[in-house]
């Protein structure tokens, strides 16, 4: 098994897992059973979504298409505000 995604939390890991399983790729979430051990374990890098090495290129393309690392399209709010939302 080869890691295809380092998840920030269990929800992210399962979102990726379901997307990959929908494509017919078998998935294993490494570190899932360790999430209750906080305090003795590192805060980051605990959860990894893993797939068979033969399926890794297809799985990587699916993970990239999900855009989980992308922020909002306009994070600074540079677009013109809606006049209806302006304070009175």
C-alpha atoms as a PDB file:
ATOM      1  CA  UNK A   1       0.000   0.000   0.000  1.00  0.00           C
ATOM      2  CA  UNK A   2       1.241   3.464  -0.903  1.00  0.00           C
ATOM      3  CA  UNK A   3       0.001   6.738   0.672  1.00  0.00           C
ATOM      4  CA  UNK A   4      -1.944   8.907  -1.744  1.00  0.00           C
ATOM      5  CA  UNK A   5      -3.217  11.554   0.710  1.00  0.00           C
ATOM      6  CA  UNK A   6      -2.151  12.832   4.146  1.00  0.00           C
ATOM      7  CA  UNK A   7      -5.383  13.733   5.890  1.00  0.00           C
ATOM      8  CA  UNK A   8      -5.694  16.573   8.381  1.00  0.00           C
ATOM      9  CA  UNK A   9      -8.518  14.790  10.194  1.00  0.00           C
ATOM     10  CA  UNK A  10     -10.704  11.714  10.043  1.00  0.00           C
ATOM     11  CA  UNK A  11     -13.425  13.458   8.026  1.00  0.00           C
ATOM     12  CA  UNK A  12     -10.952  14.386   5.262  1.00  0.00           C
ATOM     13  CA  UNK A  13      -9.641  10.830   5.224  1.00  0.00           C
ATOM     14  CA  UNK A  14     -13.119   9.375   4.788  1.00  0.00           C
ATOM     15  CA  UNK A  15     -14.071  11.897   2.085  1.00  0.00           C
ATOM     16  CA  UNK A  16     -11.066  10.762   0.053  1.00  0.00           C
ATOM     17  CA  UNK A  17     -11.734   7.120   0.885  1.00  0.00           C
ATOM     18  CA  UNK A  18     -15.295   7.298  -0.433  1.00  0.00           C
ATOM     19  CA  UNK A  19     -14.226   9.070  -3.628  1.00  0.00           C
ATOM     20  CA  UNK A  20     -11.601   6.408  -4.303  1.00  0.00           C
ATOM     21  CA  UNK A  21     -13.913   3.515  -3.459  1.00  0.00           C
ATOM     22  CA  UNK A  22     -16.543   4.965  -5.828  1.00  0.00           C
ATOM     23  CA  UNK A  23     -13.888   4.648  -8.550  1.00  0.00           C
ATOM     24  CA  UNK A  24     -13.331   1.004  -7.619  1.00  0.00           C
ATOM     25  CA  UNK A  25      -9.979   1.542  -5.868  1.00  0.00           C
ATOM     26  CA  UNK A  26      -9.420  -0.357  -2.596  1.00  0.00           C
ATOM     27  CA  UNK A  27      -8.446   1.957   0.274  1.00  0.00           C
ATOM     28  CA  UNK A  28      -6.876   1.626   3.707  1.00  0.00           C
ATOM     29  CA  UNK A  29      -6.721   4.515   6.185  1.00  0.00           C
ATOM     30  CA  UNK A  30      -3.468   4.171   8.120  1.00  0.00           C
ATOM     31  CA  UNK A  31      -3.625   5.584  11.640  1.00  0.00           C
ATOM     32  CA  UNK A  32      -7.417   5.571  11.896  1.00  0.00           C
ATOM     33  CA  UNK A  33      -7.423   3.512  15.075  1.00  0.00           C
ATOM     34  CA  UNK A  34      -4.867   5.842  16.688  1.00  0.00           C
ATOM     35  CA  UNK A  35      -7.003   8.991  16.641  1.00  0.00           C
ATOM     36  CA  UNK A  36      -8.138   8.477  20.258  1.00  0.00           C
ATOM     37  CA  UNK A  37      -4.556   8.538  21.556  1.00  0.00           C
ATOM     38  CA  UNK A  38      -4.024  12.294  21.385  1.00  0.00           C
ATOM     39  CA  UNK A  39      -1.501  13.555  23.884  1.00  0.00           C
ATOM     40  CA  UNK A  40       0.917  10.702  23.302  1.00  0.00           C
ATOM     41  CA  UNK A  41       0.913  10.981  19.504  1.00  0.00           C
ATOM     42  CA  UNK A  42       1.896  13.786  17.105  1.00  0.00           C
ATOM     43  CA  UNK A  43      -0.805  16.268  16.150  1.00  0.00           C
ATOM     44  CA  UNK A  44      -0.203  16.033  12.392  1.00  0.00           C
ATOM     45  CA  UNK A  45       0.727  13.314   9.945  1.00  0.00           C
ATOM     46  CA  UNK A  46      -1.173  10.604  11.765  1.00  0.00           C
ATOM     47  CA  UNK A  47      -3.767   9.767   9.095  1.00  0.00           C
ATOM     48  CA  UNK A  48      -2.782   8.597   5.628  1.00  0.00           C
ATOM     49  CA  UNK A  49      -5.072   7.311   2.906  1.00  0.00           C
ATOM     50  CA  UNK A  50      -3.290   4.393   1.225  1.00  0.00           C
ATOM     51  CA  UNK A  51      -3.990   2.509  -1.998  1.00  0.00           C
ATOM     52  CA  UNK A  52      -2.299  -0.400  -3.797  1.00  0.00           C
ATOM     53  CA  UNK A  53       0.797   0.714  -5.715  1.00  0.00           C
ATOM     54  CA  UNK A  54      -0.721  -0.343  -9.038  1.00  0.00           C
ATOM     55  CA  UNK A  55      -3.719   1.956  -8.465  1.00  0.00           C
ATOM     56  CA  UNK A  56      -1.694   4.926  -7.207  1.00  0.00           C
ATOM     57  CA  UNK A  57      -1.577   6.993 -10.452  1.00  0.00           C
ATOM     58  CA  UNK A  58      -5.363   6.807 -10.886  1.00  0.00           C
ATOM     59  CA  UNK A  59      -5.935   7.462  -7.171  1.00  0.00           C
ATOM     60  CA  UNK A  60      -3.606  10.485  -7.227  1.00  0.00           C
ATOM     61  CA  UNK A  61      -5.543  11.978 -10.143  1.00  0.00           C
ATOM     62  CA  UNK A  62      -8.819  11.518  -8.247  1.00  0.00           C
ATOM     63  CA  UNK A  63      -7.411  13.117  -5.086  1.00  0.00           C
ATOM     64  CA  UNK A  64      -6.057  16.078  -7.082  1.00  0.00           C
ATOM     65  CA  UNK A  65      -9.470  16.520  -8.751  1.00  0.00           C
ATOM     66  CA  UNK A  66     -11.127  16.736  -5.332  1.00  0.00           C
ATOM     67  CA  UNK A  67      -9.237  19.982  -4.639  1.00  0.00           C
ATOM     68  CA  UNK A  68      -9.159  19.448  -0.887  1.00  0.00           C
ATOM     69  CA  UNK A  69      -6.094  21.654  -0.480  1.00  0.00           C
ATOM     70  CA  UNK A  70      -7.643  24.526  -2.417  1.00  0.00           C
ATOM     71  CA  UNK A  71      -8.934  27.475  -0.475  1.00  0.00           C
ATOM     72  CA  UNK A  72     -12.016  29.509  -1.352  1.00  0.00           C
ATOM     73  CA  UNK A  73     -12.024  31.137  -4.791  1.00  0.00           C
ATOM     74  CA  UNK A  74     -11.969  34.644  -3.265  1.00  0.00           C
ATOM     75  CA  UNK A  75     -10.427  34.313   0.225  1.00  0.00           C
ATOM     76  CA  UNK A  76      -9.679  38.033   0.665  1.00  0.00           C
ATOM     77  CA  UNK A  77     -13.108  39.172  -0.429  1.00  0.00           C
ATOM     78  CA  UNK A  78     -11.697  41.283  -3.264  1.00  0.00           C
ATOM     79  CA  UNK A  79     -14.925  41.166  -5.233  1.00  0.00           C
ATOM     80  CA  UNK A  80     -17.434  43.988  -4.897  1.00  0.00           C
ATOM     81  CA  UNK A  81     -19.663  43.466  -1.857  1.00  0.00           C
ATOM     82  CA  UNK A  82     -23.360  42.903  -2.328  1.00  0.00           C
ATOM     83  CA  UNK A  83     -25.098  46.262  -1.661  1.00  0.00           C
ATOM     84  CA  UNK A  84     -27.832  44.450   0.279  1.00  0.00           C
ATOM     85  CA  UNK A  85     -25.230  43.228   2.794  1.00  0.00           C
ATOM     86  CA  UNK A  86     -23.719  46.640   3.599  1.00  0.00           C
ATOM     87  CA  UNK A  87     -24.224  47.942   7.139  1.00  0.00           C
ATOM     88  CA  UNK A  88     -26.758  50.721   7.503  1.00  0.00           C
END
